[in-house]
């Protein structure tokens, strides 16, 4: 296990050095990663070095130890705190307990005592680590989560969001039955215009129908029932294509049973049968389409998509997963992955023996999706006008031309989206810099206030700001304030305490401390040197 990280906080350098030397840190499982001489500096270093344990004095300038501990706990709730002080006062001990300090010890610090204190804390840290990594607990947590994981898997399967390579592994791990050779999907949909005989709210009706479906198919271990957005879905594992007719008949009887049991009028939409579980999403989409015919047919029956859809073999629809993959690669991929996605789309159309008129219709569908993506990302002049986009579709006459057209289109849109993203982040950084420079004199200026002004989260802002400026918010704000302080020292006769207030420091002493840390001398010495060189 790695060594635990310790930070020492005391305004006396000799005291910090003594503490660092009086304990054999590595032998007891620790390493000192940082030191600080006041609470302000300690907060910055805590964020930078992420210590596991902080040993801090109470009496310090600028920010006392108890205030520092309170802010540190808000920033890093898991950190362990040891407070030491030369004042044996009960009120300090009370406050330390309230702040969840691990230990409260008195100066002078004894080496043996400090070693024992850190030994006790090491045991607590080890316990926390073991608890987080305890296999039995993780296994129990996993078992408790199985129902939710199963439902998430089934929803992903229905929506086509799980790849073929992942499906069987996930299904086996979750204890789902996937050894059948064929699959089909049926859905139960209520007639929204029909008022049933029992006043049951929609949510309760959906749960009740789902329970009924589970009981109805209880003797079918390869049938899975799930409540999907208020619709009851039945995923049927079948031993043969002939069994599909039996499934349609069972769903038909289930519709009539719902009417008898709850006084509801329901329709079952049934998708086609497929020989691969990954095609469950296709059967689900067909089942939903079949259920839409309830407006034209009587209720309380099953409607098979094959009985109502057009029989024209020329109608070839693009697989939504193929289109979804192309959209995903345009968002986060590169030229090679976009080219591969386009090749898969063209390959699908080739295998489907699509005609040229149908090919152009499919290209129009793709162009609509890409144009919708361009509008969503507010892509401007880098993207084709819709009229030009659709006019190009009628000009090519082969699969190769289509492939080239689609690949170029996807790559151009990807580059336009990336440019749009870069412009957005650069503008965000520029707005932040402008706001800081306008408000640096306000001592209450903070990263939270800047983020609130910009309407972004602190983590996202911090990453963007550091990439653009090369420093974090605190460091940049300090730099701006120090630059203004130097300008005031050089061009005015203002006293140091006045300048401190004008650059955002309520405490002149802390202003002098920061100035000296930045320039190696106090403000007074800096002005004195200016006067000496001028004379």
Protein backbone atom coordinates (compact mmCIF):
# COMPACT_ATOMS: atom_id res chain seq x y z
CA UNK A 1 0.00 0.00 0.00
CA UNK A 2 1.26 3.53 -0.74
CA UNK A 3 2.35 5.80 2.08
CA UNK A 4 -0.29 8.13 3.54
CA UNK A 5 0.27 11.83 2.79
CA UNK A 6 0.83 14.38 5.57
CA UNK A 7 0.82 18.20 5.52
CA UNK A 8 2.29 20.28 8.39
CA UNK A 9 0.85 23.75 9.14
CA UNK A 10 2.56 26.12 11.61
CA UNK A 11 3.64 29.74 11.33
CA UNK A 12 7.01 28.93 12.96
CA UNK A 13 9.52 27.34 10.53
CA UNK A 14 11.53 25.90 13.45
CA UNK A 15 8.42 24.17 14.78
CA UNK A 16 7.64 22.63 11.41
CA UNK A 17 11.21 21.46 11.02
CA UNK A 18 11.19 19.94 14.51
CA UNK A 19 7.98 18.04 13.81
CA UNK A 20 9.28 16.81 10.47
CA UNK A 21 12.45 15.48 12.17
CA UNK A 22 10.96 14.01 15.33
CA UNK A 23 8.99 11.24 13.63
CA UNK A 24 10.31 8.45 11.42
CA UNK A 25 7.51 8.95 8.93
CA UNK A 26 8.14 6.18 6.45
CA UNK A 27 8.55 3.59 9.19
CA UNK A 28 5.02 4.31 10.44
CA UNK A 29 3.51 4.50 6.94
CA UNK A 30 3.55 8.23 6.11
CA UNK A 31 5.33 10.80 3.99
CA UNK A 32 5.32 14.59 4.47
CA UNK A 33 4.21 16.08 1.16
CA UNK A 34 3.75 19.75 2.04
CA UNK A 35 4.25 22.46 4.66
CA UNK A 36 2.44 25.78 5.12
CA UNK A 37 2.85 28.73 7.46
CA UNK A 38 -0.77 29.92 7.61
CA UNK A 39 -4.29 28.80 6.83
CA UNK A 40 -4.54 30.69 3.54
CA UNK A 41 -1.46 29.00 2.14
CA UNK A 42 -2.47 25.64 3.61
CA UNK A 43 -5.81 25.65 1.77
CA UNK A 44 -4.05 26.19 -1.55
CA UNK A 45 -1.53 23.42 -0.87
CA UNK A 46 -4.21 21.02 0.36
CA UNK A 47 -5.93 21.32 -3.01
CA UNK A 48 -2.60 20.78 -4.78
CA UNK A 49 -1.18 17.88 -2.72
CA UNK A 50 -4.38 16.16 -1.46
CA UNK A 51 -3.06 15.10 1.99
CA UNK A 52 -4.64 12.27 3.96
CA UNK A 53 -3.69 13.84 7.32
CA UNK A 54 -3.15 17.51 8.29
CA UNK A 55 -1.31 18.49 11.48
CA UNK A 56 -2.04 22.15 12.27
CA UNK A 57 -1.43 24.74 14.95
CA UNK A 58 -4.33 26.89 16.21
CA UNK A 59 -2.62 30.24 16.62
CA UNK A 60 -1.54 31.52 13.17
CA UNK A 61 -1.72 34.87 11.33
CA UNK A 62 -4.21 35.69 8.56
CA UNK A 63 -6.34 32.60 9.18
CA UNK A 64 -6.32 30.73 12.52
CA UNK A 65 -6.18 26.93 12.69
CA UNK A 66 -9.82 26.36 13.58
CA UNK A 67 -11.08 28.50 10.68
CA UNK A 68 -8.67 26.68 8.39
CA UNK A 69 -9.94 23.30 9.62
CA UNK A 70 -13.55 24.29 8.98
CA UNK A 71 -12.83 25.36 5.41
CA UNK A 72 -10.63 22.32 4.81
CA UNK A 73 -13.42 19.95 5.91
CA UNK A 74 -15.79 21.66 3.49
CA UNK A 75 -13.26 21.22 0.70
CA UNK A 76 -12.02 17.70 1.65
CA UNK A 77 -14.48 15.93 4.01
CA UNK A 78 -12.37 12.74 4.19
CA UNK A 79 -9.15 14.39 5.41
CA UNK A 80 -7.98 13.53 8.95
CA UNK A 81 -7.06 16.54 11.13
CA UNK A 82 -4.77 16.73 14.15
CA UNK A 83 -4.87 20.04 16.07
CA UNK A 84 -2.09 21.11 18.41
CA UNK A 85 -1.77 24.22 20.52
CA UNK A 86 0.14 25.74 23.40
CA UNK A 87 -3.12 26.74 25.07
CA UNK A 88 -4.76 24.20 27.34
CA UNK A 89 -8.24 25.68 27.06
CA UNK A 90 -11.46 23.69 27.04
CA UNK A 91 -13.13 25.87 24.40
CA UNK A 92 -10.46 24.89 21.86
CA UNK A 93 -11.00 21.20 22.57
CA UNK A 94 -14.76 21.68 22.16
CA UNK A 95 -14.35 23.41 18.81
CA UNK A 96 -11.86 20.75 17.66
CA UNK A 97 -14.39 18.02 18.46
CA UNK A 98 -17.13 19.90 16.60
CA UNK A 99 -14.86 20.14 13.56
CA UNK A 100 -14.34 16.35 13.69
CA UNK A 101 -10.65 16.62 14.49
CA UNK A 102 -9.03 13.21 15.03
CA UNK A 103 -6.77 14.35 17.87
CA UNK A 104 -6.15 17.46 20.01
CA UNK A 105 -2.65 17.62 21.52
CA UNK A 106 -0.66 20.26 23.44
CA UNK A 107 2.74 21.82 22.80
CA UNK A 108 5.51 21.02 23.22
CA UNK A 109 4.98 17.94 21.07
CA UNK A 110 6.68 14.80 22.29
CA UNK A 111 8.12 12.48 19.62
CA UNK A 112 6.75 9.31 21.21
CA UNK A 113 3.32 10.85 21.74
CA UNK A 114 3.14 12.10 18.15
CA UNK A 115 4.20 8.69 16.83
CA UNK A 116 1.43 7.05 18.86
CA UNK A 117 -1.13 9.57 17.59
CA UNK A 118 -0.20 8.91 13.99
CA UNK A 119 -0.22 5.19 14.70
CA UNK A 120 -3.83 5.39 15.86
CA UNK A 121 -4.79 7.41 12.81
CA UNK A 122 -2.98 4.93 10.56
CA UNK A 123 -5.23 2.18 11.93
CA UNK A 124 -8.33 4.24 11.11
CA UNK A 125 -7.07 5.01 7.62
CA UNK A 126 -6.32 1.33 7.07
CA UNK A 127 -9.80 0.41 8.26
CA UNK A 128 -11.33 2.87 5.82
CA UNK A 129 -9.19 1.52 3.00
CA UNK A 130 -10.04 -2.08 3.79
CA UNK A 131 -13.72 -1.29 4.07
CA UNK A 132 -13.72 0.30 0.63
CA UNK A 133 -11.89 -2.65 -0.84
CA UNK A 134 -13.53 -5.44 1.08
CA UNK A 135 -14.52 -8.07 -1.43
CA UNK A 136 -17.41 -9.36 0.64
CA UNK A 137 -18.91 -5.91 0.98
CA UNK A 138 -18.44 -5.22 -2.71
CA UNK A 139 -20.04 -8.55 -3.56
CA UNK A 140 -22.98 -7.85 -1.29
CA UNK A 141 -23.38 -4.41 -2.79
CA UNK A 142 -23.26 -5.94 -6.26
CA UNK A 143 -25.93 -8.49 -5.36
CA UNK A 144 -28.15 -5.74 -3.95
CA UNK A 145 -27.67 -3.78 -7.18
CA UNK A 146 -28.50 -6.68 -9.50
CA UNK A 147 -32.18 -5.77 -10.02
CA UNK A 148 -31.22 -2.26 -11.11
CA UNK A 149 -28.35 -3.54 -13.27
CA UNK A 150 -30.66 -6.06 -14.95
CA UNK A 151 -33.18 -3.36 -15.73
CA UNK A 152 -30.48 -1.05 -17.11
CA UNK A 153 -29.16 -3.89 -19.28
CA UNK A 154 -32.61 -4.70 -20.66
CA UNK A 155 -33.33 -1.03 -21.41
CA UNK A 156 -29.97 -0.76 -23.19
CA UNK A 157 -30.80 -3.92 -25.14
CA UNK A 158 -34.18 -2.54 -26.22
CA UNK A 159 -32.66 0.79 -27.22
CA UNK A 160 -29.78 -0.85 -29.11
CA UNK A 161 -27.09 0.75 -26.95
CA UNK A 162 -25.18 -2.47 -26.16
CA UNK A 163 -22.77 -3.96 -28.69
CA UNK A 164 -23.08 -7.57 -29.79
CA UNK A 165 -19.79 -8.51 -28.11
CA UNK A 166 -20.99 -7.23 -24.75
CA UNK A 167 -24.50 -8.64 -24.73
CA UNK A 168 -23.85 -12.30 -23.91
CA UNK A 169 -21.19 -11.50 -21.30
CA UNK A 170 -23.43 -9.04 -19.48
CA UNK A 171 -26.48 -11.30 -19.74
CA UNK A 172 -24.63 -14.30 -18.32
CA UNK A 173 -23.16 -12.25 -15.46
CA UNK A 174 -26.60 -10.86 -14.60
CA UNK A 175 -28.22 -14.30 -14.69
CA UNK A 176 -30.43 -13.59 -17.71
CA UNK A 177 -31.49 -16.40 -20.05
CA UNK A 178 -29.92 -15.87 -23.51
CA UNK A 179 -29.35 -19.39 -24.88
CA UNK A 180 -32.39 -19.44 -27.13
CA UNK A 181 -31.82 -19.37 -30.89
CA UNK A 182 -34.47 -16.80 -31.81
CA UNK A 183 -35.87 -13.62 -30.29
CA UNK A 184 -38.93 -11.43 -30.70
CA UNK A 185 -40.44 -8.54 -28.75
CA UNK A 186 -44.03 -7.75 -27.88
CA UNK A 187 -45.43 -4.69 -26.10
CA UNK A 188 -48.71 -4.05 -24.32
CA UNK A 189 -50.17 -0.60 -24.90
CA UNK A 190 -53.33 0.85 -23.37
CA UNK A 191 -55.91 2.64 -25.46
CA UNK A 192 -55.54 6.18 -24.09
CA UNK A 193 -59.05 7.19 -25.25
CA UNK A 194 -60.74 4.26 -23.54
CA UNK A 195 -62.01 4.74 -19.97
CA UNK A 196 -61.74 1.50 -18.05
CA UNK A 197 -64.13 0.22 -15.43
CA UNK A 198 -61.62 0.54 -12.55
CA UNK A 199 -60.24 3.93 -11.40
CA UNK A 200 -56.53 3.00 -11.22
CA UNK A 201 -53.84 5.60 -11.93
CA UNK A 202 -51.56 5.09 -14.93
CA UNK A 203 -48.44 4.15 -12.95
CA UNK A 204 -50.26 1.53 -10.89
CA UNK A 205 -51.94 0.11 -14.00
CA UNK A 206 -48.57 -0.31 -15.70
CA UNK A 207 -47.12 -2.13 -12.69
CA UNK A 208 -50.20 -4.31 -12.40
CA UNK A 209 -50.12 -5.29 -16.09
CA UNK A 210 -46.40 -6.08 -15.83
CA UNK A 211 -47.03 -8.37 -12.83
CA UNK A 212 -49.84 -10.04 -14.77
CA UNK A 213 -47.53 -10.59 -17.74
CA UNK A 214 -44.89 -12.16 -15.46
CA UNK A 215 -47.45 -14.53 -14.01
CA UNK A 216 -48.85 -15.32 -17.47
CA UNK A 217 -45.40 -16.28 -18.81
CA UNK A 218 -44.17 -17.83 -15.54
CA UNK A 219 -43.71 -21.23 -17.26
CA UNK A 220 -41.53 -19.68 -19.97
CA UNK A 221 -38.02 -19.23 -18.46
CA UNK A 222 -36.73 -17.52 -21.61
CA UNK A 223 -39.42 -14.79 -21.49
CA UNK A 224 -38.53 -11.52 -19.74
CA UNK A 225 -41.10 -8.86 -18.81
CA UNK A 226 -40.07 -5.27 -18.10
CA UNK A 227 -41.84 -1.97 -17.51
CA UNK A 228 -40.32 0.46 -20.02
CA UNK A 229 -41.50 4.07 -19.64
CA UNK A 230 -45.00 2.96 -18.69
CA UNK A 231 -45.20 0.32 -21.42
CA UNK A 232 -45.01 -3.40 -20.62
CA UNK A 233 -42.43 -5.10 -22.85
CA UNK A 234 -42.05 -8.87 -23.27
CA UNK A 235 -38.74 -10.16 -24.67
CA UNK A 236 -39.36 -13.71 -25.89
CA UNK A 237 -36.59 -16.26 -26.32
CA UNK A 238 -37.85 -18.83 -28.86
CA UNK A 239 -36.54 -22.26 -29.86
CA UNK A 240 -37.67 -21.92 -33.47
CA UNK A 241 -39.22 -19.45 -35.91
CA UNK A 242 -42.43 -21.49 -35.77
CA UNK A 243 -42.70 -20.68 -32.05
CA UNK A 244 -43.20 -17.03 -33.05
CA UNK A 245 -46.82 -17.78 -34.01
CA UNK A 246 -47.40 -19.21 -30.54
CA UNK A 247 -45.93 -16.05 -29.00
CA UNK A 248 -48.34 -13.88 -31.03
CA UNK A 249 -51.24 -16.02 -29.81
CA UNK A 250 -50.11 -15.74 -26.19
CA UNK A 251 -49.86 -11.95 -26.41
CA UNK A 252 -53.33 -11.89 -27.92
CA UNK A 253 -54.73 -13.86 -24.94
CA UNK A 254 -52.85 -11.61 -22.52
CA UNK A 255 -54.58 -8.55 -24.04
CA UNK A 256 -57.98 -10.10 -23.47
CA UNK A 257 -57.02 -11.07 -19.91
CA UNK A 258 -56.09 -7.43 -19.15
CA UNK A 259 -59.49 -6.35 -20.40
CA UNK A 260 -61.23 -8.93 -18.23
CA UNK A 261 -59.09 -8.31 -15.14
CA UNK A 262 -58.88 -4.51 -15.15
CA UNK A 263 -61.58 -3.42 -17.56
CA UNK A 264 -58.88 -1.99 -19.84
CA UNK A 265 -58.63 -2.05 -23.62
CA UNK A 266 -55.10 -2.94 -24.63
CA UNK A 267 -53.27 -3.75 -27.85
CA UNK A 268 -50.16 -5.90 -28.19
CA UNK A 269 -47.65 -4.88 -30.84
CA UNK A 270 -45.42 -7.75 -32.03
CA UNK A 271 -42.08 -7.40 -33.82
CA UNK A 272 -40.49 -9.87 -36.21
CA UNK A 273 -38.44 -12.86 -35.06
CA UNK A 274 -34.62 -12.62 -35.30
CA UNK A 275 -31.81 -15.11 -34.93
CA UNK A 276 -29.54 -12.90 -32.79
CA UNK A 277 -30.21 -11.32 -29.41
CA UNK A 278 -28.62 -8.05 -30.48
CA UNK A 279 -31.54 -7.61 -32.91
CA UNK A 280 -33.97 -7.33 -30.01
CA UNK A 281 -33.86 -3.55 -30.54
CA UNK A 282 -35.09 -4.00 -34.12
CA UNK A 283 -37.98 -6.24 -33.02
CA UNK A 284 -38.83 -3.73 -30.26
CA UNK A 285 -38.97 -0.87 -32.79
CA UNK A 286 -41.25 -2.99 -35.00
CA UNK A 287 -43.48 -3.84 -32.03
CA UNK A 288 -43.95 -0.14 -31.28
CA UNK A 289 -44.76 0.54 -34.92
CA UNK A 290 -47.28 -2.33 -34.97
CA UNK A 291 -48.98 -0.99 -31.85
CA UNK A 292 -49.60 2.32 -33.63
CA UNK A 293 -52.16 0.52 -35.85
CA UNK A 294 -54.51 0.32 -32.84
CA UNK A 295 -56.18 3.47 -34.20
CA UNK A 296 -57.42 1.47 -37.22
CA UNK A 297 -58.07 -1.92 -35.62
CA UNK A 298 -60.16 -3.22 -32.76
CA UNK A 299 -58.60 -3.33 -29.31
CA UNK A 300 -57.82 -6.31 -27.08
CA UNK A 301 -55.74 -8.11 -29.69
CA UNK A 302 -52.19 -8.68 -30.86
CA UNK A 303 -50.98 -6.95 -34.03
CA UNK A 304 -47.97 -8.46 -35.81
CA UNK A 305 -45.90 -5.97 -37.79
CA UNK A 306 -45.63 -8.46 -40.66
CA UNK A 307 -49.41 -8.37 -41.11
CA UNK A 308 -49.76 -4.60 -41.38
CA UNK A 309 -46.51 -3.19 -42.81
CA UNK A 310 -46.13 -2.56 -46.55
CA UNK A 311 -44.91 -5.61 -48.49
CA UNK A 312 -42.83 -3.55 -50.95
CA UNK A 313 -39.40 -5.20 -50.94
CA UNK A 314 -37.88 -1.96 -52.26
CA UNK A 315 -38.38 -0.22 -48.91
CA UNK A 316 -35.02 -0.41 -47.16
CA UNK A 317 -34.60 1.56 -43.93
CA UNK A 318 -31.22 2.34 -42.45
CA UNK A 319 -30.38 0.68 -39.15
CA UNK A 320 -30.65 3.31 -36.40
CA UNK A 321 -27.53 1.86 -34.76
CA UNK A 322 -25.49 2.56 -37.89
CA UNK A 323 -26.69 6.16 -38.03
CA UNK A 324 -26.12 6.52 -34.28
CA UNK A 325 -22.56 5.27 -34.62
CA UNK A 326 -21.79 7.81 -37.39
CA UNK A 327 -23.22 10.64 -35.25
CA UNK A 328 -21.14 9.47 -32.26
CA UNK A 329 -17.89 9.37 -34.30
CA UNK A 330 -18.54 12.86 -35.66
CA UNK A 331 -18.90 14.08 -32.07
CA UNK A 332 -15.91 12.33 -30.48
CA UNK A 333 -14.05 10.34 -33.15
CA UNK A 334 -11.56 11.13 -35.90
CA UNK A 335 -11.26 10.84 -39.68
CA UNK A 336 -10.50 7.10 -39.57
CA UNK A 337 -13.43 6.17 -37.29
CA UNK A 338 -15.80 8.33 -39.36
CA UNK A 339 -14.60 6.60 -42.53
CA UNK A 340 -15.18 3.18 -40.92
CA UNK A 341 -18.71 4.17 -39.82
CA UNK A 342 -19.52 5.36 -43.36
CA UNK A 343 -18.19 2.12 -44.85
CA UNK A 344 -20.50 0.12 -42.55
CA UNK A 345 -23.51 2.15 -43.68
CA UNK A 346 -22.65 1.67 -47.35
CA UNK A 347 -21.94 -2.02 -46.76
CA UNK A 348 -25.36 -2.45 -45.18
CA UNK A 349 -27.04 -0.87 -48.19
CA UNK A 350 -25.02 -2.99 -50.61
CA UNK A 351 -26.09 -6.22 -48.89
CA UNK A 352 -29.70 -5.01 -48.94
CA UNK A 353 -29.64 -4.84 -52.77
CA UNK A 354 -31.02 -1.31 -52.59
CA UNK A 355 -32.03 0.44 -55.80
CA UNK A 356 -30.66 3.85 -56.80
CA UNK A 357 -33.90 5.72 -56.00
CA UNK A 358 -33.96 4.04 -52.59
CA UNK A 359 -30.26 4.81 -52.16
CA UNK A 360 -30.94 8.52 -52.67
CA UNK A 361 -33.79 8.32 -50.17
CA UNK A 362 -31.44 6.79 -47.61
CA UNK A 363 -28.88 9.54 -48.29
CA UNK A 364 -31.57 12.15 -47.70
CA UNK A 365 -32.25 10.53 -44.33
CA UNK A 366 -28.53 10.72 -43.49
CA UNK A 367 -28.32 14.35 -44.63
CA UNK A 368 -31.27 15.26 -42.40
CA UNK A 369 -29.54 13.68 -39.37
CA UNK A 370 -26.24 15.43 -40.07
CA UNK A 371 -27.94 18.76 -40.62
CA UNK A 372 -29.82 18.32 -37.34
CA UNK A 373 -26.46 17.74 -35.62
CA UNK A 374 -25.01 20.88 -37.24
CA UNK A 375 -27.96 22.94 -36.01
CA UNK A 376 -27.62 21.52 -32.49
CA UNK A 377 -23.95 22.58 -32.34
CA UNK A 378 -24.72 25.93 -34.00
CA UNK A 379 -22.25 25.29 -36.81
CA UNK A 380 -22.12 28.27 -39.14
CA UNK A 381 -20.27 28.97 -42.36
CA UNK A 382 -18.11 25.83 -42.17
CA UNK A 383 -21.17 23.71 -42.96
CA UNK A 384 -23.13 23.33 -46.18
CA UNK A 385 -26.45 25.07 -46.67
CA UNK A 386 -29.37 22.61 -46.55
CA UNK A 387 -30.34 23.30 -50.18
CA UNK A 388 -26.80 22.58 -51.42
CA UNK A 389 -26.64 19.52 -49.21
CA UNK A 390 -29.75 17.89 -50.64
CA UNK A 391 -28.96 18.93 -54.23
CA UNK A 392 -25.70 16.96 -54.11
CA UNK A 393 -27.58 13.76 -53.26
CA UNK A 394 -29.09 13.44 -56.72
CA UNK A 395 -25.77 13.83 -58.54
CA UNK A 396 -23.89 10.63 -57.68
CA UNK A 397 -24.72 7.29 -59.22
CA UNK A 398 -22.80 4.61 -57.31
CA UNK A 399 -22.05 3.29 -53.85
CA UNK A 400 -18.45 4.50 -54.11
CA UNK A 401 -19.58 8.05 -54.82
CA UNK A 402 -21.98 7.88 -51.91
CA UNK A 403 -19.25 6.60 -49.59
CA UNK A 404 -16.90 9.43 -50.59
CA UNK A 405 -19.68 12.02 -50.22
CA UNK A 406 -20.76 10.79 -46.80
CA UNK A 407 -17.18 10.50 -45.46
CA UNK A 408 -16.23 14.01 -46.57
CA UNK A 409 -19.45 15.36 -45.12
CA UNK A 410 -18.85 13.66 -41.75
CA UNK A 411 -15.21 14.81 -41.50
CA UNK A 412 -16.12 18.41 -42.39
CA UNK A 413 -18.86 18.47 -39.78
CA UNK A 414 -16.48 16.98 -37.15
CA UNK A 415 -13.92 19.75 -37.79
CA UNK A 416 -16.61 22.43 -37.68
CA UNK A 417 -17.91 21.14 -34.33
CA UNK A 418 -14.39 21.06 -32.86
CA UNK A 419 -13.75 24.64 -33.99
CA UNK A 420 -17.05 25.65 -32.41
CA UNK A 421 -16.08 23.98 -29.12
CA UNK A 422 -12.64 25.65 -29.07
CA UNK A 423 -14.16 29.08 -29.72
CA UNK A 424 -16.63 28.52 -26.87
CA UNK A 425 -13.95 27.57 -24.35
CA UNK A 426 -11.68 30.44 -25.43
CA UNK A 427 -14.56 32.90 -25.05
CA UNK A 428 -15.31 31.50 -21.59
CA UNK A 429 -11.69 32.07 -20.52
CA UNK A 430 -11.68 35.60 -21.90
CA UNK A 431 -14.89 36.45 -20.05
CA UNK A 432 -13.43 35.07 -16.81
CA UNK A 433 -10.23 37.10 -17.21
CA UNK A 434 -12.22 40.26 -17.92
CA UNK A 435 -14.43 39.70 -14.88
CA UNK A 436 -11.41 39.12 -12.62
CA UNK A 437 -9.66 42.26 -13.84
CA UNK A 438 -12.83 44.29 -13.29
CA UNK A 439 -13.44 42.97 -9.77
CA UNK A 440 -10.01 42.08 -8.33
CA UNK A 441 -10.28 44.97 -5.82
CA UNK A 442 -13.22 43.19 -4.17
CA UNK A 443 -11.80 41.14 -1.26
CA UNK A 444 -14.75 38.71 -1.50
CA UNK A 445 -14.02 37.72 -5.11
CA UNK A 446 -13.94 33.91 -5.36
CA UNK A 447 -13.98 31.14 -7.95
CA UNK A 448 -17.59 30.36 -7.00
CA UNK A 449 -18.61 33.92 -7.73
CA UNK A 450 -16.87 33.89 -11.12
CA UNK A 451 -18.55 30.59 -12.02
CA UNK A 452 -21.94 31.93 -10.94
CA UNK A 453 -21.40 34.97 -13.16
CA UNK A 454 -20.45 32.78 -16.13
CA UNK A 455 -23.10 30.12 -15.43
CA UNK A 456 -20.68 27.13 -15.39
CA UNK A 457 -19.56 24.52 -12.87
CA UNK A 458 -16.37 25.04 -10.85
CA UNK A 459 -14.61 21.85 -12.02
CA UNK A 460 -15.24 22.58 -15.71
CA UNK A 461 -14.22 26.22 -15.24
CA UNK A 462 -11.02 25.33 -13.37
CA UNK A 463 -9.89 22.97 -16.14
CA UNK A 464 -10.63 25.48 -18.91
CA UNK A 465 -9.09 28.41 -16.99
CA UNK A 466 -5.84 26.57 -16.19
CA UNK A 467 -5.41 25.41 -19.79
CA UNK A 468 -5.86 28.96 -21.07
CA UNK A 469 -3.82 30.89 -18.46
CA UNK A 470 -1.38 28.26 -17.25
CA UNK A 471 -2.34 28.83 -13.61
CA UNK A 472 -5.24 28.23 -11.24
CA UNK A 473 -7.76 30.91 -10.22
CA UNK A 474 -6.07 31.88 -6.95
CA UNK A 475 -2.64 32.23 -8.56
CA UNK A 476 -4.03 34.34 -11.41
CA UNK A 477 -6.02 36.59 -9.08
CA UNK A 478 -2.91 37.09 -6.92
CA UNK A 479 -0.85 37.99 -10.01
CA UNK A 480 -3.41 40.60 -11.13
CA UNK A 481 -3.53 42.13 -7.65
CA UNK A 482 0.26 42.25 -7.36
CA UNK A 483 0.62 43.88 -10.80
CA UNK A 484 -1.83 46.58 -9.74
CA UNK A 485 -0.04 47.01 -6.40
CA UNK A 486 3.28 47.56 -8.19
CA UNK A 487 1.64 50.14 -10.47
CA UNK A 488 0.22 52.01 -7.47
CA UNK A 489 3.58 51.93 -5.66
CA UNK A 490 5.32 53.31 -8.71
CA UNK A 491 2.81 55.97 -9.70
CA UNK A 492 1.17 57.15 -6.46
CA UNK A 493 2.16 58.24 -2.97
CA UNK A 494 -0.51 56.07 -1.32
CA UNK A 495 0.41 54.28 1.90
CA UNK A 496 0.79 50.50 1.80
CA UNK A 497 -2.36 49.91 3.83
CA UNK A 498 -4.37 52.02 1.35
CA UNK A 499 -2.91 50.13 -1.60
CA UNK A 500 -3.75 46.85 0.13
CA UNK A 501 -7.41 47.81 0.21
CA UNK A 502 -7.38 49.01 -3.39
CA UNK A 503 -6.09 45.65 -4.65
CA UNK A 504 -8.48 43.46 -2.63
CA UNK A 505 -6.74 42.75 0.70
CA UNK A 506 -8.58 43.69 3.86
CA UNK A 507 -5.56 42.83 6.02
CA UNK A 508 -2.50 45.01 5.22
CA UNK A 509 -0.19 42.55 6.99
CA UNK A 510 -1.31 39.70 4.72
CA UNK A 511 -0.90 41.99 1.70
CA UNK A 512 2.70 42.64 2.70
CA UNK A 513 3.25 38.91 3.18
CA UNK A 514 1.93 38.06 -0.30
CA UNK A 515 3.85 40.96 -1.90
CA UNK A 516 7.12 39.85 -0.29
CA UNK A 517 6.50 36.27 -1.38
CA UNK A 518 5.98 37.51 -4.96
CA UNK A 519 8.81 40.04 -5.26
CA UNK A 520 11.23 39.13 -2.46
CA UNK A 521 10.75 42.37 -0.56
CA UNK A 522 8.09 44.34 1.30
CA UNK A 523 6.04 47.08 -0.43
CA UNK A 524 7.88 49.71 1.59
CA UNK A 525 11.28 48.31 0.52
CA UNK A 526 10.11 48.17 -3.10
CA UNK A 527 9.14 51.87 -3.04
CA UNK A 528 12.37 52.74 -1.23
CA UNK A 529 14.39 51.07 -3.99
CA UNK A 530 12.39 52.98 -6.60
CA UNK A 531 13.14 56.30 -4.88
CA UNK A 532 16.82 55.41 -4.53
CA UNK A 533 17.21 54.54 -8.19
CA UNK A 534 15.26 57.66 -9.20
CA UNK A 535 17.48 59.95 -7.21
